[in-house]
Amino acid sequence: MTFKQILQARAKKNVTGKVIKKVSPYGVILCPIVTEKTHKQQESENKYSFKVHSDANKSDVKQAIEFLYKVHPESISMINVVYKWRNQRKLVRKAYKKAIVTLGKKEKIELGS
């Protein structure tokens, strides 16, 4: 095996999901995030935000979106939203994982508004 072939083998991405084998697609995508900011992103940039399972990766989210909404995502960004501390206030934000899914120009997801 040449050095070039070794580098190509290393560069191949692991496209298998790790959570989708254990849970259904309904367990990977927990709920859509609907705020003013995400609504503007849906209209202008065709980006949709979802709360996802804490162990999910991009390939899990892609498979779940294709199964649930019958669309093909162009790109997916994953963000860990951190816990917001309680310093003299009663509301606390729990930690969760968020996925921002970008779709093509002609595709849309109908979220119940």
PDB file of N, CA and C in Angstrom:
ATOM      1  N   MET A   1       0.853  -1.171   0.000  1.00  0.00           N
ATOM      2  CA  MET A   1       0.000   0.000   0.000  1.00  0.00           C
ATOM      3  C   MET A   1       0.900   1.235   0.000  1.00  0.00           C
ATOM      4  N   THR A   2       0.660   2.121  -0.940  1.00  0.00           N
ATOM      5  CA  THR A   2       1.474   3.331  -1.038  1.00  0.00           C
ATOM      6  C   THR A   2       1.049   4.343   0.023  1.00  0.00           C
ATOM      7  N   PHE A   3       1.906   5.333   0.192  1.00  0.00           N
ATOM      8  CA  PHE A   3       1.620   6.374   1.182  1.00  0.00           C
ATOM      9  C   PHE A   3       0.354   7.145   0.818  1.00  0.00           C
ATOM     10  N   LYS A   4       0.130   7.374  -0.460  1.00  0.00           N
ATOM     11  CA  LYS A   4      -1.062   8.088  -0.916  1.00  0.00           C
ATOM     12  C   LYS A   4      -2.332   7.296  -0.578  1.00  0.00           C
ATOM     13  N   GLN A   5      -2.288   5.986  -0.764  1.00  0.00           N
ATOM     14  CA  GLN A   5      -3.442   5.150  -0.443  1.00  0.00           C
ATOM     15  C   GLN A   5      -3.708   5.116   1.065  1.00  0.00           C
ATOM     16  N   ILE A   6      -2.652   5.161   1.857  1.00  0.00           N
ATOM     17  CA  ILE A   6      -2.813   5.192   3.316  1.00  0.00           C
ATOM     18  C   ILE A   6      -3.509   6.479   3.735  1.00  0.00           C
ATOM     19  N   LEU A   7      -3.092   7.605   3.146  1.00  0.00           N
ATOM     20  CA  LEU A   7      -3.729   8.886   3.467  1.00  0.00           C
ATOM     21  C   LEU A   7      -5.187   8.919   3.028  1.00  0.00           C
ATOM     22  N   GLN A   8      -5.482   8.347   1.866  1.00  0.00           N
ATOM     23  CA  GLN A   8      -6.865   8.308   1.395  1.00  0.00           C
ATOM     24  C   GLN A   8      -7.728   7.439   2.300  1.00  0.00           C
ATOM     25  N   ALA A   9      -7.191   6.336   2.788  1.00  0.00           N
ATOM     26  CA  ALA A   9      -7.944   5.464   3.697  1.00  0.00           C
ATOM     27  C   ALA A   9      -8.211   6.169   5.019  1.00  0.00           C
ATOM     28  N   ARG A  10      -7.250   6.973   5.494  1.00  0.00           N
ATOM     29  CA  ARG A  10      -7.439   7.724   6.735  1.00  0.00           C
ATOM     30  C   ARG A  10      -8.463   8.824   6.582  1.00  0.00           C
ATOM     31  N   ALA A  11      -8.531   9.408   5.395  1.00  0.00           N
ATOM     32  CA  ALA A  11      -9.412  10.555   5.166  1.00  0.00           C
ATOM     33  C   ALA A  11     -10.872  10.162   4.996  1.00  0.00           C
ATOM     34  N   LYS A  12     -11.150   8.888   4.757  1.00  0.00           N
ATOM     35  CA  LYS A  12     -12.539   8.468   4.583  1.00  0.00           C
ATOM     36  C   LYS A  12     -13.309   8.680   5.870  1.00  0.00           C
ATOM     37  N   LYS A  13     -14.483   9.274   5.743  1.00  0.00           N
ATOM     38  CA  LYS A  13     -15.301   9.562   6.914  1.00  0.00           C
ATOM     39  C   LYS A  13     -16.104   8.340   7.320  1.00  0.00           C
ATOM     40  N   ASN A  14     -16.364   8.260   8.584  1.00  0.00           N
ATOM     41  CA  ASN A  14     -17.231   7.209   9.110  1.00  0.00           C
ATOM     42  C   ASN A  14     -18.668   7.703   8.979  1.00  0.00           C
ATOM     43  N   VAL A  15     -19.414   7.177   8.031  1.00  0.00           N
ATOM     44  CA  VAL A  15     -20.762   7.673   7.759  1.00  0.00           C
ATOM     45  C   VAL A  15     -21.844   6.885   8.480  1.00  0.00           C
ATOM     46  N   THR A  16     -21.445   5.932   9.285  1.00  0.00           N
ATOM     47  CA  THR A  16     -22.459   5.184  10.034  1.00  0.00           C
ATOM     48  C   THR A  16     -22.809   5.944  11.303  1.00  0.00           C
ATOM     49  N   GLY A  17     -24.064   5.954  11.633  1.00  0.00           N
ATOM     50  CA  GLY A  17     -24.500   6.619  12.852  1.00  0.00           C
ATOM     51  C   GLY A  17     -24.309   5.713  14.051  1.00  0.00           C
ATOM     52  N   LYS A  18     -24.083   6.318  15.212  1.00  0.00           N
ATOM     53  CA  LYS A  18     -23.891   5.488  16.396  1.00  0.00           C
ATOM     54  C   LYS A  18     -25.146   5.414  17.259  1.00  0.00           C
ATOM     55  N   VAL A  19     -25.991   6.451  17.210  1.00  0.00           N
ATOM     56  CA  VAL A  19     -27.192   6.463  18.043  1.00  0.00           C
ATOM     57  C   VAL A  19     -28.381   5.881  17.291  1.00  0.00           C
ATOM     58  N   ILE A  20     -28.415   6.061  15.973  1.00  0.00           N
ATOM     59  CA  ILE A  20     -29.569   5.625  15.176  1.00  0.00           C
ATOM     60  C   ILE A  20     -29.735   4.104  15.245  1.00  0.00           C
ATOM     61  N   LYS A  21     -28.647   3.394  15.577  1.00  0.00           N
ATOM     62  CA  LYS A  21     -28.749   1.939  15.737  1.00  0.00           C
ATOM     63  C   LYS A  21     -29.496   1.572  17.019  1.00  0.00           C
ATOM     64  N   LYS A  22     -29.355   2.419  18.056  1.00  0.00           N
ATOM     65  CA  LYS A  22     -29.966   2.129  19.350  1.00  0.00           C
ATOM     66  C   LYS A  22     -31.376   2.687  19.479  1.00  0.00           C
ATOM     67  N   VAL A  23     -31.596   3.893  18.920  1.00  0.00           N
ATOM     68  CA  VAL A  23     -32.888   4.568  19.055  1.00  0.00           C
ATOM     69  C   VAL A  23     -33.477   4.801  17.673  1.00  0.00           C
ATOM     70  N   SER A  24     -34.759   5.063  17.640  1.00  0.00           N
ATOM     71  CA  SER A  24     -35.417   5.351  16.367  1.00  0.00           C
ATOM     72  C   SER A  24     -35.096   6.784  15.940  1.00  0.00           C
ATOM     73  N   PRO A  25     -35.417   7.156  14.697  1.00  0.00           N
ATOM     74  CA  PRO A  25     -35.222   8.553  14.267  1.00  0.00           C
ATOM     75  C   PRO A  25     -36.002   9.545  15.121  1.00  0.00           C
ATOM     76  N   TYR A  26     -37.117   9.092  15.703  1.00  0.00           N
ATOM     77  CA  TYR A  26     -37.885   9.968  16.588  1.00  0.00           C
ATOM     78  C   TYR A  26     -37.143  10.230  17.896  1.00  0.00           C
ATOM     79  N   GLY A  27     -36.239   9.347  18.267  1.00  0.00           N
ATOM     80  CA  GLY A  27     -35.437   9.544  19.462  1.00  0.00           C
ATOM     81  C   GLY A  27     -34.197  10.374  19.220  1.00  0.00           C
ATOM     82  N   VAL A  28     -33.770  10.464  17.961  1.00  0.00           N
ATOM     83  CA  VAL A  28     -32.603  11.282  17.624  1.00  0.00           C
ATOM     84  C   VAL A  28     -33.001  12.749  17.569  1.00  0.00           C
ATOM     85  N   ILE A  29     -34.068  13.064  16.821  1.00  0.00           N
ATOM     86  CA  ILE A  29     -34.579  14.432  16.735  1.00  0.00           C
ATOM     87  C   ILE A  29     -35.626  14.588  17.831  1.00  0.00           C
ATOM     88  N   LEU A  30     -35.308  15.358  18.860  1.00  0.00           N
ATOM     89  CA  LEU A  30     -36.234  15.482  19.990  1.00  0.00           C
ATOM     90  C   LEU A  30     -37.347  16.483  19.701  1.00  0.00           C
ATOM     91  N   CYS A  31     -37.001  17.704  19.257  1.00  0.00           N
ATOM     92  CA  CYS A  31     -38.023  18.697  18.940  1.00  0.00           C
ATOM     93  C   CYS A  31     -37.388  19.831  18.146  1.00  0.00           C
ATOM     94  N   PRO A  32     -38.185  20.540  17.338  1.00  0.00           N
ATOM     95  CA  PRO A  32     -37.653  21.716  16.648  1.00  0.00           C
ATOM     96  C   PRO A  32     -37.546  22.891  17.611  1.00  0.00           C
ATOM     97  N   ILE A  33     -36.591  23.763  17.352  1.00  0.00           N
ATOM     98  CA  ILE A  33     -36.438  24.976  18.150  1.00  0.00           C
ATOM     99  C   ILE A  33     -37.068  26.113  17.358  1.00  0.00           C
ATOM    100  N   VAL A  34     -38.128  26.695  17.904  1.00  0.00           N
ATOM    101  CA  VAL A  34     -38.844  27.761  17.207  1.00  0.00           C
ATOM    102  C   VAL A  34     -38.744  29.035  18.043  1.00  0.00           C
ATOM    103  N   THR A  35     -37.886  29.956  17.599  1.00  0.00           N
ATOM    104  CA  THR A  35     -37.747  31.266  18.213  1.00  0.00           C
ATOM    105  C   THR A  35     -37.765  32.300  17.097  1.00  0.00           C
ATOM    106  N   GLU A  36     -37.678  33.561  17.451  1.00  0.00           N
ATOM    107  CA  GLU A  36     -37.646  34.602  16.419  1.00  0.00           C
ATOM    108  C   GLU A  36     -36.409  34.458  15.549  1.00  0.00           C
ATOM    109  N   LYS A  37     -35.279  34.182  16.167  1.00  0.00           N
ATOM    110  CA  LYS A  37     -34.034  34.047  15.419  1.00  0.00           C
ATOM    111  C   LYS A  37     -34.089  32.866  14.442  1.00  0.00           C
ATOM    112  N   THR A  38     -34.574  31.713  14.901  1.00  0.00           N
ATOM    113  CA  THR A  38     -34.634  30.554  14.019  1.00  0.00           C
ATOM    114  C   THR A  38     -35.668  30.750  12.915  1.00  0.00           C
ATOM    115  N   HIS A  39     -36.732  31.480  13.215  1.00  0.00           N
ATOM    116  CA  HIS A  39     -37.735  31.761  12.187  1.00  0.00           C
ATOM    117  C   HIS A  39     -37.139  32.631  11.074  1.00  0.00           C
ATOM    118  N   LYS A  40     -36.329  33.615  11.429  1.00  0.00           N
ATOM    119  CA  LYS A  40     -35.658  34.449  10.431  1.00  0.00           C
ATOM    120  C   LYS A  40     -34.676  33.622   9.603  1.00  0.00           C
ATOM    121  N   GLN A  41     -33.980  32.700  10.251  1.00  0.00           N
ATOM    122  CA  GLN A  41     -33.052  31.834   9.531  1.00  0.00           C
ATOM    123  C   GLN A  41     -33.787  30.918   8.558  1.00  0.00           C
ATOM    124  N   GLN A  42     -34.974  30.457   8.940  1.00  0.00           N
ATOM    125  CA  GLN A  42     -35.754  29.606   8.050  1.00  0.00           C
ATOM    126  C   GLN A  42     -36.157  30.364   6.800  1.00  0.00           C
ATOM    127  N   GLU A  43     -36.567  31.615   6.959  1.00  0.00           N
ATOM    128  CA  GLU A  43     -37.020  32.400   5.810  1.00  0.00           C
ATOM    129  C   GLU A  43     -35.868  32.828   4.913  1.00  0.00           C
ATOM    130  N   SER A  44     -34.783  33.337   5.498  1.00  0.00           N
ATOM    131  CA  SER A  44     -33.723  33.916   4.683  1.00  0.00           C
ATOM    132  C   SER A  44     -32.689  32.889   4.207  1.00  0.00           C
ATOM    133  N   GLU A  45     -32.231  32.021   5.094  1.00  0.00           N
ATOM    134  CA  GLU A  45     -31.121  31.122   4.759  1.00  0.00           C
ATOM    135  C   GLU A  45     -31.526  29.667   4.609  1.00  0.00           C
ATOM    136  N   ASN A  46     -32.787  29.340   4.840  1.00  0.00           N
ATOM    137  CA  ASN A  46     -33.294  27.975   4.751  1.00  0.00           C
ATOM    138  C   ASN A  46     -32.573  27.044   5.740  1.00  0.00           C
ATOM    139  N   LYS A  47     -32.384  27.544   6.981  1.00  0.00           N
ATOM    140  CA  LYS A  47     -31.759  26.766   8.052  1.00  0.00           C
ATOM    141  C   LYS A  47     -32.795  26.463   9.125  1.00  0.00           C
ATOM    142  N   TYR A  48     -32.784  25.225   9.615  1.00  0.00           N
ATOM    143  CA  TYR A  48     -33.731  24.779  10.628  1.00  0.00           C
ATOM    144  C   TYR A  48     -32.954  24.266  11.833  1.00  0.00           C
ATOM    145  N   SER A  49     -33.433  24.576  13.039  1.00  0.00           N
ATOM    146  CA  SER A  49     -32.760  24.173  14.265  1.00  0.00           C
ATOM    147  C   SER A  49     -33.585  23.123  15.005  1.00  0.00           C
ATOM    148  N   PHE A  50     -32.891  22.128  15.550  1.00  0.00           N
ATOM    149  CA  PHE A  50     -33.549  21.040  16.273  1.00  0.00           C
ATOM    150  C   PHE A  50     -32.759  20.707  17.529  1.00  0.00           C
ATOM    151  N   LYS A  51     -33.470  20.323  18.601  1.00  0.00           N
ATOM    152  CA  LYS A  51     -32.828  19.702  19.744  1.00  0.00           C
ATOM    153  C   LYS A  51     -32.626  18.239  19.380  1.00  0.00           C
ATOM    154  N   VAL A  52     -31.437  17.717  19.637  1.00  0.00           N
ATOM    155  CA  VAL A  52     -31.142  16.336  19.272  1.00  0.00           C
ATOM    156  C   VAL A  52     -30.621  15.574  20.486  1.00  0.00           C
ATOM    157  N   HIS A  53     -30.565  14.268  20.349  1.00  0.00           N
ATOM    158  CA  HIS A  53     -30.061  13.374  21.389  1.00  0.00           C
ATOM    159  C   HIS A  53     -28.621  13.772  21.720  1.00  0.00           C
ATOM    160  N   SER A  54     -28.245  13.674  22.980  1.00  0.00           N
ATOM    161  CA  SER A  54     -26.928  14.160  23.396  1.00  0.00           C
ATOM    162  C   SER A  54     -25.764  13.357  22.809  1.00  0.00           C
ATOM    163  N   ASP A  55     -26.006  12.122  22.395  1.00  0.00           N
ATOM    164  CA  ASP A  55     -24.941  11.302  21.811  1.00  0.00           C
ATOM    165  C   ASP A  55     -24.967  11.283  20.283  1.00  0.00           C
ATOM    166  N   ALA A  56     -25.885  12.010  19.670  1.00  0.00           N
ATOM    167  CA  ALA A  56     -26.043  11.966  18.215  1.00  0.00           C
ATOM    168  C   ALA A  56     -24.896  12.695  17.510  1.00  0.00           C
ATOM    169  N   ASN A  57     -24.542  12.207  16.324  1.00  0.00           N
ATOM    170  CA  ASN A  57     -23.556  12.895  15.496  1.00  0.00           C
ATOM    171  C   ASN A  57     -24.232  13.351  14.201  1.00  0.00           C
ATOM    172  N   LYS A  58     -23.460  13.949  13.289  1.00  0.00           N
ATOM    173  CA  LYS A  58     -24.040  14.531  12.079  1.00  0.00           C
ATOM    174  C   LYS A  58     -24.712  13.491  11.195  1.00  0.00           C
ATOM    175  N   SER A  59     -24.117  12.330  11.081  1.00  0.00           N
ATOM    176  CA  SER A  59     -24.714  11.311  10.218  1.00  0.00           C
ATOM    177  C   SER A  59     -26.022  10.781  10.808  1.00  0.00           C
ATOM    178  N   ASP A  60     -26.112  10.695  12.139  1.00  0.00           N
ATOM    179  CA  ASP A  60     -27.378  10.313  12.780  1.00  0.00           C
ATOM    180  C   ASP A  60     -28.470  11.319  12.458  1.00  0.00           C
ATOM    181  N   VAL A  61     -28.137  12.596  12.602  1.00  0.00           N
ATOM    182  CA  VAL A  61     -29.117  13.652  12.356  1.00  0.00           C
ATOM    183  C   VAL A  61     -29.532  13.661  10.888  1.00  0.00           C
ATOM    184  N   LYS A  62     -28.583  13.464   9.990  1.00  0.00           N
ATOM    185  CA  LYS A  62     -28.900  13.454   8.558  1.00  0.00           C
ATOM    186  C   LYS A  62     -29.866  12.326   8.221  1.00  0.00           C
ATOM    187  N   GLN A  63     -29.607  11.128   8.739  1.00  0.00           N
ATOM    188  CA  GLN A  63     -30.490   9.994   8.474  1.00  0.00           C
ATOM    189  C   GLN A  63     -31.875  10.221   9.057  1.00  0.00           C
ATOM    190  N   ALA A  64     -31.941  10.804  10.252  1.00  0.00           N
ATOM    191  CA  ALA A  64     -33.233  11.051  10.895  1.00  0.00           C
ATOM    192  C   ALA A  64     -34.032  12.115  10.142  1.00  0.00           C
ATOM    193  N   ILE A  65     -33.377  13.184   9.688  1.00  0.00           N
ATOM    194  CA  ILE A  65     -34.064  14.240   8.932  1.00  0.00           C
ATOM    195  C   ILE A  65     -34.590  13.687   7.609  1.00  0.00           C
ATOM    196  N   GLU A  66     -33.791  12.886   6.928  1.00  0.00           N
ATOM    197  CA  GLU A  66     -34.243  12.296   5.668  1.00  0.00           C
ATOM    198  C   GLU A  66     -35.439  11.370   5.893  1.00  0.00           C
ATOM    199  N   PHE A  67     -35.439  10.623   6.980  1.00  0.00           N
ATOM    200  CA  PHE A  67     -36.539   9.707   7.262  1.00  0.00           C
ATOM    201  C   PHE A  67     -37.804  10.454   7.672  1.00  0.00           C
ATOM    202  N   LEU A  68     -37.677  11.433   8.574  1.00  0.00           N
ATOM    203  CA  LEU A  68     -38.851  12.108   9.133  1.00  0.00           C
ATOM    204  C   LEU A  68     -39.473  13.124   8.179  1.00  0.00           C
ATOM    205  N   TYR A  69     -38.660  13.920   7.516  1.00  0.00           N
ATOM    206  CA  TYR A  69     -39.178  15.039   6.728  1.00  0.00           C
ATOM    207  C   TYR A  69     -39.049  14.842   5.216  1.00  0.00           C
ATOM    208  N   LYS A  70     -38.412  13.780   4.767  1.00  0.00           N
ATOM    209  CA  LYS A  70     -38.269  13.460   3.333  1.00  0.00           C
ATOM    210  C   LYS A  70     -37.569  14.587   2.568  1.00  0.00           C
ATOM    211  N   VAL A  71     -36.529  15.163   3.161  1.00  0.00           N
ATOM    212  CA  VAL A  71     -35.713  16.182   2.504  1.00  0.00           C
ATOM    213  C   VAL A  71     -34.251  15.749   2.623  1.00  0.00           C
ATOM    214  N   HIS A  72     -33.388  16.361   1.800  1.00  0.00           N
ATOM    215  CA  HIS A  72     -31.970  16.018   1.805  1.00  0.00           C
ATOM    216  C   HIS A  72     -31.158  17.224   2.266  1.00  0.00           C
ATOM    217  N   PRO A  73     -30.581  17.171   3.478  1.00  0.00           N
ATOM    218  CA  PRO A  73     -29.812  18.302   3.992  1.00  0.00           C
ATOM    219  C   PRO A  73     -28.510  18.502   3.229  1.00  0.00           C
ATOM    220  N   GLU A  74     -28.163  19.777   3.008  1.00  0.00           N
ATOM    221  CA  GLU A  74     -26.885  20.091   2.380  1.00  0.00           C
ATOM    222  C   GLU A  74     -25.759  20.057   3.407  1.00  0.00           C
ATOM    223  N   SER A  75     -26.006  20.665   4.578  1.00  0.00           N
ATOM    224  CA  SER A  75     -24.993  20.645   5.632  1.00  0.00           C
ATOM    225  C   SER A  75     -25.670  20.639   6.999  1.00  0.00           C
ATOM    226  N   ILE A  76     -24.912  20.187   7.993  1.00  0.00           N
ATOM    227  CA  ILE A  76     -25.417  20.105   9.360  1.00  0.00           C
ATOM    228  C   ILE A  76     -24.336  20.631  10.296  1.00  0.00           C
ATOM    229  N   SER A  77     -24.721  21.523  11.203  1.00  0.00           N
ATOM    230  CA  SER A  77     -23.820  22.028  12.233  1.00  0.00           C
ATOM    231  C   SER A  77     -24.329  21.555  13.584  1.00  0.00           C
ATOM    232  N   MET A  78     -23.420  21.085  14.421  1.00  0.00           N
ATOM    233  CA  MET A  78     -23.782  20.593  15.745  1.00  0.00           C
ATOM    234  C   MET A  78     -23.203  21.534  16.798  1.00  0.00           C
ATOM    235  N   ILE A  79     -24.034  21.871  17.809  1.00  0.00           N
ATOM    236  CA  ILE A  79     -23.632  22.799  18.859  1.00  0.00           C
ATOM    237  C   ILE A  79     -24.060  22.224  20.202  1.00  0.00           C
ATOM    238  N   ASN A  80     -23.164  22.265  21.173  1.00  0.00           N
ATOM    239  CA  ASN A  80     -23.521  21.922  22.547  1.00  0.00           C
ATOM    240  C   ASN A  80     -23.899  23.208  23.266  1.00  0.00           C
ATOM    241  N   VAL A  81     -25.156  23.345  23.650  1.00  0.00           N
ATOM    242  CA  VAL A  81     -25.619  24.513  24.390  1.00  0.00           C
ATOM    243  C   VAL A  81     -25.381  24.217  25.864  1.00  0.00           C
ATOM    244  N   VAL A  82     -24.638  25.090  26.525  1.00  0.00           N
ATOM    245  CA  VAL A  82     -24.216  24.812  27.894  1.00  0.00           C
ATOM    246  C   VAL A  82     -25.293  25.189  28.905  1.00  0.00           C
ATOM    247  N   TYR A  83     -25.154  24.650  30.090  1.00  0.00           N
ATOM    248  CA  TYR A  83     -26.046  24.926  31.212  1.00  0.00           C
ATOM    249  C   TYR A  83     -25.898  26.392  31.603  1.00  0.00           C
ATOM    250  N   LYS A  84     -27.005  27.065  31.849  1.00  0.00           N
ATOM    251  CA  LYS A  84     -26.965  28.455  32.295  1.00  0.00           C
ATOM    252  C   LYS A  84     -27.175  28.478  33.805  1.00  0.00           C
ATOM    253  N   TRP A  85     -26.223  29.069  34.507  1.00  0.00           N
ATOM    254  CA  TRP A  85     -26.208  29.014  35.959  1.00  0.00           C
ATOM    255  C   TRP A  85     -27.318  29.840  36.587  1.00  0.00           C
ATOM    256  N   ARG A  86     -27.622  29.512  37.806  1.00  0.00           N
ATOM    257  CA  ARG A  86     -28.636  30.238  38.562  1.00  0.00           C
ATOM    258  C   ARG A  86     -27.914  31.134  39.556  1.00  0.00           C
ATOM    259  N   ASN A  87     -27.938  32.439  39.264  1.00  0.00           N
ATOM    260  CA  ASN A  87     -27.318  33.391  40.198  1.00  0.00           C
ATOM    261  C   ASN A  87     -28.395  34.303  40.757  1.00  0.00           C
ATOM    262  N   GLN A  88     -29.262  34.237  41.383  1.00  0.00           N
ATOM    263  CA  GLN A  88     -30.295  35.171  41.828  1.00  0.00           C
ATOM    264  C   GLN A  88     -31.462  35.232  40.870  1.00  0.00           C
ATOM    265  N   ARG A  89     -31.683  34.215  40.134  1.00  0.00           N
ATOM    266  CA  ARG A  89     -32.883  34.172  39.298  1.00  0.00           C
ATOM    267  C   ARG A  89     -33.472  32.777  39.398  1.00  0.00           C
ATOM    268  N   LYS A  90     -34.711  32.672  39.047  1.00  0.00           N
ATOM    269  CA  LYS A  90     -35.399  31.399  39.207  1.00  0.00           C
ATOM    270  C   LYS A  90     -35.334  30.524  37.968  1.00  0.00           C
ATOM    271  N   LEU A  91     -35.111  31.129  36.809  1.00  0.00           N
ATOM    272  CA  LEU A  91     -35.077  30.346  35.572  1.00  0.00           C
ATOM    273  C   LEU A  91     -33.670  29.850  35.295  1.00  0.00           C
ATOM    274  N   VAL A  92     -33.562  28.601  34.904  1.00  0.00           N
ATOM    275  CA  VAL A  92     -32.281  27.994  34.576  1.00  0.00           C
ATOM    276  C   VAL A  92     -32.425  27.291  33.236  1.00  0.00           C
ATOM    277  N   ARG A  93     -31.424  27.407  32.364  1.00  0.00           N
ATOM    278  CA  ARG A  93     -31.457  26.708  31.087  1.00  0.00           C
ATOM    279  C   ARG A  93     -30.622  25.444  31.212  1.00  0.00           C
ATOM    280  N   LYS A  94     -31.226  24.320  30.944  1.00  0.00           N
ATOM    281  CA  LYS A  94     -30.519  23.051  31.002  1.00  0.00           C
ATOM    282  C   LYS A  94     -29.658  22.892  29.753  1.00  0.00           C
ATOM    283  N   ALA A  95     -28.636  22.090  29.854  1.00  0.00           N
ATOM    284  CA  ALA A  95     -27.746  21.835  28.726  1.00  0.00           C
ATOM    285  C   ALA A  95     -28.424  20.890  27.733  1.00  0.00           C
ATOM    286  N   TYR A  96     -28.203  21.121  26.445  1.00  0.00           N
ATOM    287  CA  TYR A  96     -28.717  20.238  25.398  1.00  0.00           C
ATOM    288  C   TYR A  96     -27.842  20.361  24.161  1.00  0.00           C
ATOM    289  N   LYS A  97     -28.070  19.499  23.210  1.00  0.00           N
ATOM    290  CA  LYS A  97     -27.333  19.519  21.950  1.00  0.00           C
ATOM    291  C   LYS A  97     -28.259  20.014  20.863  1.00  0.00           C
ATOM    292  N   LYS A  98     -27.744  20.908  20.016  1.00  0.00           N
ATOM    293  CA  LYS A  98     -28.553  21.516  18.966  1.00  0.00           C
ATOM    294  C   LYS A  98     -27.934  21.224  17.611  1.00  0.00           C
ATOM    295  N   ALA A  99     -28.790  20.948  16.628  1.00  0.00           N
ATOM    296  CA  ALA A  99     -28.338  20.739  15.255  1.00  0.00           C
ATOM    297  C   ALA A  99     -28.984  21.792  14.368  1.00  0.00           C
ATOM    298  N   ILE A 100     -28.174  22.460  13.553  1.00  0.00           N
ATOM    299  CA  ILE A 100     -28.679  23.420  12.577  1.00  0.00           C
ATOM    300  C   ILE A 100     -28.542  22.770  11.207  1.00  0.00           C
ATOM    301  N   VAL A 101     -29.679  22.548  10.548  1.00  0.00           N
ATOM    302  CA  VAL A 101     -29.731  21.824   9.280  1.00  0.00           C
ATOM    303  C   VAL A 101     -29.982  22.819   8.160  1.00  0.00           C
ATOM    304  N   THR A 102     -29.097  22.832   7.161  1.00  0.00           N
ATOM    305  CA  THR A 102     -29.256  23.695   5.998  1.00  0.00           C
ATOM    306  C   THR A 102     -29.788  22.860   4.847  1.00  0.00           C
ATOM    307  N   LEU A 103     -30.871  23.339   4.236  1.00  0.00           N
ATOM    308  CA  LEU A 103     -31.480  22.634   3.107  1.00  0.00           C
ATOM    309  C   LEU A 103     -31.196  23.378   1.811  1.00  0.00           C
ATOM    310  N   GLY A 104     -31.517  22.724   0.687  1.00  0.00           N
ATOM    311  CA  GLY A 104     -31.387  23.365  -0.612  1.00  0.00           C
ATOM    312  C   GLY A 104     -32.440  24.443  -0.797  1.00  0.00           C
ATOM    313  N   LYS A 105     -32.315  25.199  -1.871  1.00  0.00           N
ATOM    314  CA  LYS A 105     -33.217  26.336  -2.117  1.00  0.00           C
ATOM    315  C   LYS A 105     -34.668  25.904  -2.284  1.00  0.00           C
ATOM    316  N   LYS A 106     -34.905  24.759  -2.897  1.00  0.00           N
ATOM    317  CA  LYS A 106     -36.278  24.361  -3.227  1.00  0.00           C
ATOM    318  C   LYS A 106     -36.939  23.516  -2.159  1.00  0.00           C
ATOM    319  N   GLU A 107     -36.191  23.091  -1.146  1.00  0.00           N
ATOM    320  CA  GLU A 107     -36.755  22.214  -0.129  1.00  0.00           C
ATOM    321  C   GLU A 107     -37.165  23.012   1.104  1.00  0.00           C
ATOM    322  N   LYS A 108     -38.241  22.561   1.744  1.00  0.00           N
ATOM    323  CA  LYS A 108     -38.749  23.196   2.956  1.00  0.00           C
ATOM    324  C   LYS A 108     -39.224  22.114   3.916  1.00  0.00           C
ATOM    325  N   ILE A 109     -39.214  22.467   5.197  1.00  0.00           N
ATOM    326  CA  ILE A 109     -39.749  21.603   6.235  1.00  0.00           C
ATOM    327  C   ILE A 109     -40.940  22.337   6.840  1.00  0.00           C
ATOM    328  N   GLU A 110     -42.084  21.653   6.896  1.00  0.00           N
ATOM    329  CA  GLU A 110     -43.280  22.255   7.496  1.00  0.00           C
ATOM    330  C   GLU A 110     -43.305  21.924   8.985  1.00  0.00           C
ATOM    331  N   LEU A 111     -42.991  22.931   9.804  1.00  0.00           N
ATOM    332  CA  LEU A 111     -43.058  22.756  11.251  1.00  0.00           C
ATOM    333  C   LEU A 111     -44.395  23.303  11.725  1.00  0.00           C
ATOM    334  N   GLY A 112     -45.054  22.587  12.614  1.00  0.00           N
ATOM    335  CA  GLY A 112     -46.347  23.034  13.132  1.00  0.00           C
ATOM    336  C   GLY A 112     -46.197  24.332  13.892  1.00  0.00           C
ATOM    337  N   SER A 113     -46.789  25.440  13.368  1.00  0.00           N
ATOM    338  CA  SER A 113     -46.628  26.718  14.041  1.00  0.00           C
ATOM    339  C   SER A 113     -47.764  27.053  14.931  1.00  0.00           C
TER     340      SER A 113
END
